[in-house]
Amino acid sequence: MHLKMAGIYIHIPFCASRCIYCAFYSTTSLNLRQRYIDALCREMESRRSEETISTIYLGGGTPSQLSTAQLRQLFDALYIFNNVTADAEVTIEVNPDDMTTEFAEELSGLPLNRVSMGVQTFDDERLKFLHRRHTAAQVYEAVQRLRAVGIHNISIDLMYGFPGETLTDWEHDIDAALALGVEHLSAYCLSIEEGTPLWKWTIDNEQWIMDEELERRMYYTLIDKLEAVGFEHYEISNFAQKGFRSHHNSSYWTGIPYLGLGAAAHSFNGHTRSWNVADIHQYIEGIEQGKRLFDVEAIEGNTRYNDLLTTALRTREGLDLSLLSEPQRDYCLCSARRFINDDLLTNNGEHLVLTRRGLFVSDMVISGLMLVND
């Protein structure tokens, strides 16, 4: 069966400085920006798709570290080499401190209709702890500037579970986010990824261990506060006002193919998953020599089952059992019994869905349903 390529993800790895928690591939080599954009456009041309593109997502890194001219160069190539629908969702990730009045006005001249902003917290001390460059005041200014130029689909990211953070502190952050009137919110517990400065910090500060019960209360408080004002909790960490789900991210969770461009970017075509080399120098040099450096793996058998499980169960709709082979379905339902008995999963006959209790321990539930890879 021929599957349509529904989305394009473009990785912009540049950051003015690194946050202590981030494990995504990034670089502070800002002098490489133009060479990188030129390489991206060449990769775009060599991997052009005749299929309809319904979502475009510029992620990072910090895409707002590019100049407007560089962004325009990217979009010109995107629309030349791809069949993009007129109503495509086009998202760019930005940092609040990059969103000057001038930059916001320039963005409004590009085919962008959605902005995702890395806020994390409205507490300036916690922002300093994370090594974020912006202040809480700059978040309000950035949202106002985007509204002024006609951007009516704004998402913000928040974090909870900071050292010393109380439930009241977290409630203040949620309330501040709601006061902005944004259409979408993503929220994550501060996680410690090996190799990051935060990982080193926790080794040096052994007394800091996140209290699981407090984390649970923070998560449920988030759900209750957002649902009380009409937000739809449509994925473990994502909430949207009606009609404002992230279509691009939803494609990842529902198995829709996507094309990933740039260093470290992943692609999925329904049968294989590939990922570009996670090194900007190797990526640029490879593209300049007409040779894309990447790895690839086939998605079949147990791998396909595990992929479907880990993405579909994240969503409000859950895992469609009809998508599994009969042996897989039998195994899955048998493994699910203990989680259903513990009120972590429900089975309505067609879908397995995480309960409220199950959402908080989703990793444990999902791993308990997995098959050993082929």
Protein backbone atom coordinates (compact mmCIF):
# COMPACT_ATOMS: atom_id res chain seq x y z
CA MET A 1 0.00 0.00 0.00
CA HIS A 2 1.31 3.43 -0.90
CA LEU A 3 1.25 5.75 2.11
CA LYS A 4 1.08 9.49 1.81
CA MET A 5 3.77 11.65 3.38
CA ALA A 6 1.74 13.88 5.64
CA GLY A 7 4.36 15.96 7.41
CA ILE A 8 7.80 17.52 7.17
CA TYR A 9 10.01 18.13 10.20
CA ILE A 10 13.03 20.42 9.85
CA HIS A 11 15.64 20.35 12.59
CA ILE A 12 17.30 23.70 13.34
CA PRO A 13 20.01 22.79 15.86
CA PHE A 14 21.31 26.28 16.67
CA CYS A 15 21.15 27.64 20.22
CA ALA A 16 22.72 30.80 21.61
CA SER A 17 23.36 28.81 24.80
CA ARG A 18 22.45 25.33 26.05
CA CYS A 19 19.84 24.63 28.71
CA ILE A 20 21.00 22.27 31.42
CA TYR A 21 18.25 19.67 30.84
CA CYS A 22 18.25 19.40 27.05
CA ALA A 23 19.28 16.12 25.40
CA PHE A 24 18.21 17.06 21.85
CA TYR A 25 20.99 17.50 19.31
CA SER A 26 22.04 21.16 19.27
CA THR A 27 25.06 23.34 18.62
CA THR A 28 26.18 26.85 19.55
CA SER A 29 28.22 27.16 16.31
CA LEU A 30 26.08 30.01 15.01
CA ASN A 31 28.63 30.81 12.29
CA LEU A 32 27.42 27.70 10.43
CA ARG A 33 23.84 28.90 10.01
CA GLN A 34 23.97 29.91 6.34
CA ARG A 35 25.90 26.81 5.24
CA TYR A 36 23.38 24.70 7.14
CA ILE A 37 20.38 26.39 5.48
CA ASP A 38 21.97 25.89 2.07
CA ALA A 39 22.52 22.21 2.90
CA LEU A 40 18.93 21.85 4.10
CA CYS A 41 17.64 23.21 0.82
CA ARG A 42 19.83 20.76 -1.11
CA GLU A 43 18.57 17.85 1.01
CA MET A 44 15.01 19.09 0.42
CA GLU A 45 15.55 19.05 -3.34
CA SER A 46 17.09 15.57 -3.34
CA ARG A 47 14.31 14.14 -1.15
CA ARG A 48 11.38 16.00 -2.69
CA SER A 49 8.01 14.33 -2.36
CA GLU A 50 5.12 14.37 -4.79
CA GLU A 51 2.75 13.48 -1.96
CA THR A 52 0.55 16.03 -0.25
CA ILE A 53 2.16 17.75 2.74
CA SER A 54 -0.31 18.86 5.40
CA THR A 55 2.01 19.84 8.26
CA ILE A 56 5.43 21.51 8.50
CA TYR A 57 7.30 21.84 11.78
CA LEU A 58 10.52 23.78 12.40
CA GLY A 59 11.98 22.46 15.65
CA GLY A 60 15.27 22.61 17.44
CA GLY A 61 17.41 23.81 18.86
CA THR A 62 16.09 27.30 18.43
CA PRO A 63 14.64 28.06 14.97
CA SER A 64 14.15 31.69 16.03
CA GLN A 65 17.95 32.01 15.97
CA LEU A 66 17.71 32.10 12.17
CA SER A 67 17.36 35.38 10.31
CA THR A 68 14.14 36.14 8.47
CA ALA A 69 16.05 35.87 5.18
CA GLN A 70 17.22 32.36 6.11
CA LEU A 71 13.69 31.35 7.11
CA ARG A 72 12.36 32.73 3.83
CA GLN A 73 14.99 30.73 1.92
CA LEU A 74 13.81 27.58 3.71
CA PHE A 75 10.14 28.20 3.01
CA ASP A 76 10.79 29.06 -0.63
CA ALA A 77 12.50 25.68 -1.06
CA LEU A 78 9.78 23.88 0.90
CA TYR A 79 7.03 25.17 -1.35
CA ILE A 80 9.03 24.69 -4.56
CA PHE A 81 9.99 21.07 -3.90
CA ASN A 82 6.83 19.86 -2.13
CA ASN A 83 3.09 19.81 -2.71
CA VAL A 84 1.99 21.69 0.41
CA THR A 85 -1.76 22.08 1.02
CA ALA A 86 -3.12 25.61 1.20
CA ASP A 87 -4.39 25.02 4.75
CA ALA A 88 -1.25 23.26 6.03
CA GLU A 89 -0.39 23.67 9.70
CA VAL A 90 3.02 25.38 9.74
CA THR A 91 4.74 25.62 13.13
CA ILE A 92 7.94 27.26 14.30
CA GLU A 93 9.51 26.86 17.74
CA VAL A 94 10.73 30.12 19.28
CA ASN A 95 12.35 31.46 22.41
CA PRO A 96 10.51 34.36 24.06
CA ASP A 97 13.58 36.62 24.09
CA ASP A 98 13.95 36.31 20.30
CA MET A 99 10.43 37.61 19.74
CA THR A 100 11.10 41.30 19.21
CA THR A 101 8.43 43.47 17.63
CA GLU A 102 10.45 43.52 14.41
CA PHE A 103 10.94 39.75 14.33
CA ALA A 104 7.24 39.10 15.00
CA GLU A 105 6.28 41.39 12.13
CA GLU A 106 8.75 39.62 9.84
CA LEU A 107 7.37 36.19 10.82
CA SER A 108 3.89 37.35 9.84
CA GLY A 109 5.17 37.68 6.27
CA LEU A 110 6.09 33.98 6.15
CA PRO A 111 3.67 31.04 5.65
CA LEU A 112 3.56 30.39 9.42
CA ASN A 113 0.30 29.96 11.30
CA ARG A 114 1.39 28.32 14.55
CA VAL A 115 4.08 29.21 17.10
CA SER A 116 5.39 26.92 19.84
CA MET A 117 7.20 28.81 22.59
CA GLY A 118 9.61 27.34 25.14
CA VAL A 119 8.48 28.99 28.39
CA GLN A 120 9.15 26.21 30.98
CA THR A 121 8.29 28.37 34.02
CA PHE A 122 7.21 31.88 34.99
CA ASP A 123 9.63 31.98 37.91
CA ASP A 124 12.81 33.90 37.04
CA GLU A 125 14.96 32.00 39.55
CA ARG A 126 13.95 28.64 38.09
CA LEU A 127 14.60 30.02 34.59
CA LYS A 128 18.13 30.92 35.70
CA PHE A 129 18.56 27.43 37.13
CA LEU A 130 17.67 25.97 33.72
CA HIS A 131 20.06 28.42 31.99
CA ARG A 132 17.17 29.82 29.98
CA ARG A 133 17.91 33.19 28.38
CA HIS A 134 14.48 34.74 28.81
CA THR A 135 12.55 36.19 31.75
CA ALA A 136 8.91 35.73 32.67
CA ALA A 137 8.15 39.29 31.56
CA GLN A 138 9.47 38.49 28.07
CA VAL A 139 6.93 35.68 27.73
CA TYR A 140 4.02 38.10 28.11
CA GLU A 141 5.63 40.52 25.66
CA ALA A 142 6.25 37.76 23.11
CA VAL A 143 2.64 36.56 23.20
CA GLN A 144 1.34 40.13 22.82
CA ARG A 145 3.63 40.73 19.84
CA LEU A 146 2.52 37.52 18.13
CA ARG A 147 -1.14 38.37 18.69
CA ALA A 148 -0.54 41.84 17.28
CA VAL A 149 0.66 40.39 13.96
CA GLY A 150 -2.23 37.92 13.66
CA ILE A 151 -0.84 34.66 15.10
CA HIS A 152 -3.87 32.98 16.68
CA ASN A 153 -2.46 29.53 17.36
CA ILE A 154 0.14 29.69 20.12
CA SER A 155 1.46 26.76 22.15
CA ILE A 156 3.71 27.00 25.19
CA ASP A 157 5.84 24.40 26.96
CA LEU A 158 5.91 24.17 30.75
CA MET A 159 7.97 22.09 33.17
CA TYR A 160 7.32 20.96 36.71
CA GLY A 161 9.30 18.98 39.29
CA PHE A 162 12.07 21.51 39.92
CA PRO A 163 14.26 21.14 43.03
CA GLY A 164 12.38 22.79 45.89
CA GLU A 165 9.24 23.46 43.82
CA THR A 166 5.97 23.19 45.74
CA LEU A 167 2.50 22.34 44.49
CA THR A 168 1.55 25.98 45.04
CA ASP A 169 4.50 27.10 42.89
CA TRP A 170 3.28 24.83 40.10
CA GLU A 171 -0.29 26.09 40.41
CA HIS A 172 1.02 29.63 39.95
CA ASP A 173 2.77 28.57 36.72
CA ILE A 174 -0.40 26.94 35.37
CA ASP A 175 -2.47 30.00 36.27
CA ALA A 176 0.07 32.29 34.56
CA ALA A 177 -0.08 30.14 31.42
CA LEU A 178 -3.88 30.23 31.36
CA ALA A 179 -3.84 34.00 31.83
CA LEU A 180 -1.98 34.26 28.51
CA GLY A 181 -4.96 32.77 26.70
CA VAL A 182 -2.85 30.41 24.58
CA GLU A 183 -4.54 27.73 22.47
CA HIS A 184 -2.23 24.82 23.32
CA LEU A 185 -0.05 23.74 26.22
CA SER A 186 2.52 20.98 26.62
CA ALA A 187 3.79 20.13 30.10
CA TYR A 188 6.57 17.78 31.16
CA CYS A 189 8.16 16.74 34.42
CA LEU A 190 11.79 17.86 34.55
CA SER A 191 13.69 14.73 33.53
CA ILE A 192 17.34 13.92 34.01
CA GLU A 193 19.01 12.76 30.80
CA GLU A 194 22.44 11.18 31.10
CA GLY A 195 25.21 13.41 29.81
CA THR A 196 23.37 16.69 30.32
CA PRO A 197 24.58 19.38 32.77
CA LEU A 198 21.48 18.62 34.88
CA TRP A 199 22.60 15.00 35.15
CA LYS A 200 25.97 16.21 36.43
CA TRP A 201 24.22 18.59 38.82
CA THR A 202 22.16 15.79 40.36
CA ILE A 203 25.31 13.73 40.93
CA ASP A 204 26.83 16.69 42.78
CA ASN A 205 23.59 17.25 44.71
CA GLU A 206 22.64 13.75 45.77
CA GLN A 207 20.04 15.00 48.21
CA TRP A 208 17.74 16.07 45.34
CA ILE A 209 15.36 13.30 44.40
CA MET A 210 11.96 14.20 42.98
CA ASP A 211 9.19 13.08 45.34
CA GLU A 212 6.96 10.74 43.33
CA GLU A 213 3.80 11.56 45.25
CA LEU A 214 4.37 15.30 44.75
CA GLU A 215 5.01 14.67 41.03
CA ARG A 216 1.74 12.74 40.83
CA ARG A 217 -0.19 15.55 42.54
CA MET A 218 1.40 18.10 40.18
CA TYR A 219 0.35 16.06 37.14
CA TYR A 220 -3.24 15.61 38.33
CA THR A 221 -3.45 19.30 39.27
CA LEU A 222 -2.37 20.16 35.73
CA ILE A 223 -5.08 17.94 34.24
CA ASP A 224 -7.80 19.24 36.55
CA LYS A 225 -6.98 22.92 36.07
CA LEU A 226 -6.79 22.72 32.28
CA GLU A 227 -9.86 20.54 31.80
CA ALA A 228 -11.85 22.84 34.11
CA VAL A 229 -11.40 25.68 31.61
CA GLY A 230 -12.16 23.62 28.51
CA PHE A 231 -8.79 22.26 27.44
CA GLU A 232 -8.83 18.79 25.88
CA HIS A 233 -6.27 16.39 27.33
CA TYR A 234 -5.55 14.60 24.05
CA GLU A 235 -2.10 13.12 24.74
CA ILE A 236 -0.18 12.34 27.93
CA SER A 237 1.62 15.71 28.02
CA ASN A 238 -0.50 17.77 25.63
CA PHE A 239 -3.61 19.90 26.06
CA ALA A 240 -5.51 21.95 23.51
CA GLN A 241 -8.49 24.21 23.25
CA LYS A 242 -11.13 22.76 20.93
CA GLY A 243 -9.83 22.63 17.37
CA PHE A 244 -6.22 23.39 18.32
CA ARG A 245 -4.57 19.98 18.66
CA SER A 246 -1.09 19.86 17.14
CA HIS A 247 -1.74 18.10 13.82
CA HIS A 248 1.96 17.58 13.22
CA ASN A 249 2.71 15.91 16.55
CA SER A 250 -0.51 13.91 16.26
CA SER A 251 0.91 12.36 13.08
CA TYR A 252 3.76 10.88 15.14
CA TRP A 253 1.31 9.29 17.59
CA THR A 254 -1.01 7.91 14.93
CA GLY A 255 1.57 6.38 12.58
CA ILE A 256 1.27 8.88 9.72
CA PRO A 257 4.49 9.09 7.66
CA TYR A 258 6.72 12.14 7.87
CA LEU A 259 9.95 13.39 6.34
CA GLY A 260 12.73 14.64 8.62
CA LEU A 261 15.30 17.10 7.23
CA GLY A 262 18.51 18.30 8.84
CA ALA A 263 21.10 16.98 11.27
CA ALA A 264 19.71 14.28 13.59
CA ALA A 265 16.23 14.49 12.01
CA HIS A 266 14.15 11.29 11.87
CA SER A 267 11.90 10.13 9.02
CA PHE A 268 9.19 7.45 8.83
CA ASN A 269 7.56 6.21 5.64
CA GLY A 270 5.31 3.51 7.05
CA HIS A 271 7.84 0.72 6.44
CA THR A 272 11.22 2.06 7.57
CA ARG A 273 12.57 4.63 9.98
CA SER A 274 15.72 6.59 9.14
CA TRP A 275 17.70 9.28 10.90
CA ASN A 276 20.34 11.70 9.68
CA VAL A 277 23.78 11.89 11.25
CA ALA A 278 23.69 13.84 14.53
CA ASP A 279 26.69 16.02 13.73
CA ILE A 280 26.30 19.33 11.94
CA HIS A 281 29.74 19.22 10.32
CA GLN A 282 29.26 15.69 8.96
CA TYR A 283 25.72 16.55 7.87
CA ILE A 284 26.74 19.68 5.95
CA GLU A 285 29.82 18.09 4.36
CA GLY A 286 27.84 15.01 3.33
CA ILE A 287 25.08 17.04 1.69
CA GLU A 288 27.63 19.31 -0.04
CA GLN A 289 29.25 16.19 -1.51
CA GLY A 290 25.88 14.84 -2.63
CA LYS A 291 25.86 12.09 -0.01
CA ARG A 292 23.28 12.09 2.78
CA LEU A 293 24.68 10.38 5.88
CA PHE A 294 21.98 8.40 7.65
CA ASP A 295 21.01 5.11 9.27
CA VAL A 296 17.84 3.13 8.60
CA GLU A 297 15.86 0.29 10.16
CA ALA A 298 12.91 -1.74 8.94
CA ILE A 299 9.67 -1.48 10.92
CA GLU A 300 8.14 -4.94 10.95
CA GLY A 301 7.00 -7.72 13.27
CA ASN A 302 7.59 -7.02 16.94
CA THR A 303 9.17 -3.64 16.19
CA ARG A 304 6.01 -2.47 14.43
CA TYR A 305 3.88 -3.73 17.33
CA ASN A 306 6.06 -1.98 19.93
CA ASP A 307 6.09 1.26 17.94
CA LEU A 308 2.31 1.23 17.64
CA LEU A 309 1.96 0.51 21.34
CA THR A 310 4.27 3.29 22.51
CA THR A 311 2.66 5.94 20.32
CA ALA A 312 -1.05 5.04 20.30
CA LEU A 313 -1.33 4.49 24.04
CA ARG A 314 -0.10 8.05 24.59
CA THR A 315 -3.28 9.39 23.04
CA ARG A 316 -6.76 9.94 24.38
CA GLU A 317 -8.12 7.51 21.79
CA GLY A 318 -5.70 4.76 22.82
CA LEU A 319 -4.59 1.63 20.96
CA ASP A 320 -6.88 0.42 18.15
CA LEU A 321 -6.85 -3.36 18.65
CA SER A 322 -7.93 -3.97 15.05
CA LEU A 323 -4.49 -2.80 13.89
CA LEU A 324 -2.83 -5.81 15.58
CA SER A 325 -2.42 -9.27 14.12
CA GLU A 326 -4.36 -11.98 15.94
CA PRO A 327 -1.28 -13.31 17.83
CA GLN A 328 -0.28 -9.76 18.79
CA ARG A 329 -3.80 -8.96 19.95
CA ASP A 330 -3.97 -12.12 22.05
CA TYR A 331 -0.61 -11.34 23.65
CA CYS A 332 -1.53 -7.71 24.26
CA LEU A 333 -4.91 -8.48 25.85
CA CYS A 334 -3.41 -11.21 28.02
CA SER A 335 -0.65 -8.85 29.20
CA ALA A 336 -3.17 -6.07 29.76
CA ARG A 337 -5.31 -8.02 32.25
CA ARG A 338 -3.28 -7.09 35.32
CA PHE A 339 -3.26 -3.41 34.31
CA ILE A 340 -7.03 -3.47 33.73
CA ASN A 341 -7.49 -5.10 37.14
CA ASP A 342 -5.33 -2.37 38.71
CA ASP A 343 -7.41 0.36 37.01
CA LEU A 344 -4.49 1.49 34.84
CA LEU A 345 -6.06 0.47 31.51
CA THR A 346 -9.58 0.12 30.13
CA ASN A 347 -10.73 -2.08 27.24
CA ASN A 348 -13.96 -1.13 25.48
CA GLY A 349 -13.65 -4.00 23.03
CA GLU A 350 -12.07 -1.89 20.31
CA HIS A 351 -9.42 0.20 22.07
CA LEU A 352 -7.07 -0.09 25.03
CA VAL A 353 -6.93 3.29 26.78
CA LEU A 354 -4.86 4.47 29.74
CA THR A 355 -6.94 5.53 32.73
CA ARG A 356 -6.17 8.66 34.74
CA ARG A 357 -4.07 6.52 37.09
CA GLY A 358 -2.47 4.81 34.12
CA LEU A 359 -1.42 8.06 32.47
CA PHE A 360 0.94 8.84 35.33
CA VAL A 361 2.68 5.43 35.11
CA SER A 362 2.37 5.08 31.33
CA ASP A 363 5.98 4.01 30.79
CA MET A 364 5.53 1.10 33.19
CA VAL A 365 2.26 0.03 31.58
CA ILE A 366 3.54 0.28 28.02
CA SER A 367 6.76 -1.64 28.80
CA GLY A 368 4.61 -4.36 30.38
CA LEU A 369 2.76 -4.85 27.07
CA MET A 370 5.81 -4.91 24.80
CA LEU A 371 7.14 -7.86 22.84
CA VAL A 372 10.83 -8.73 22.70
CA ASN A 373 12.18 -7.34 19.45
CA ASP A 374 12.78 -9.77 16.57
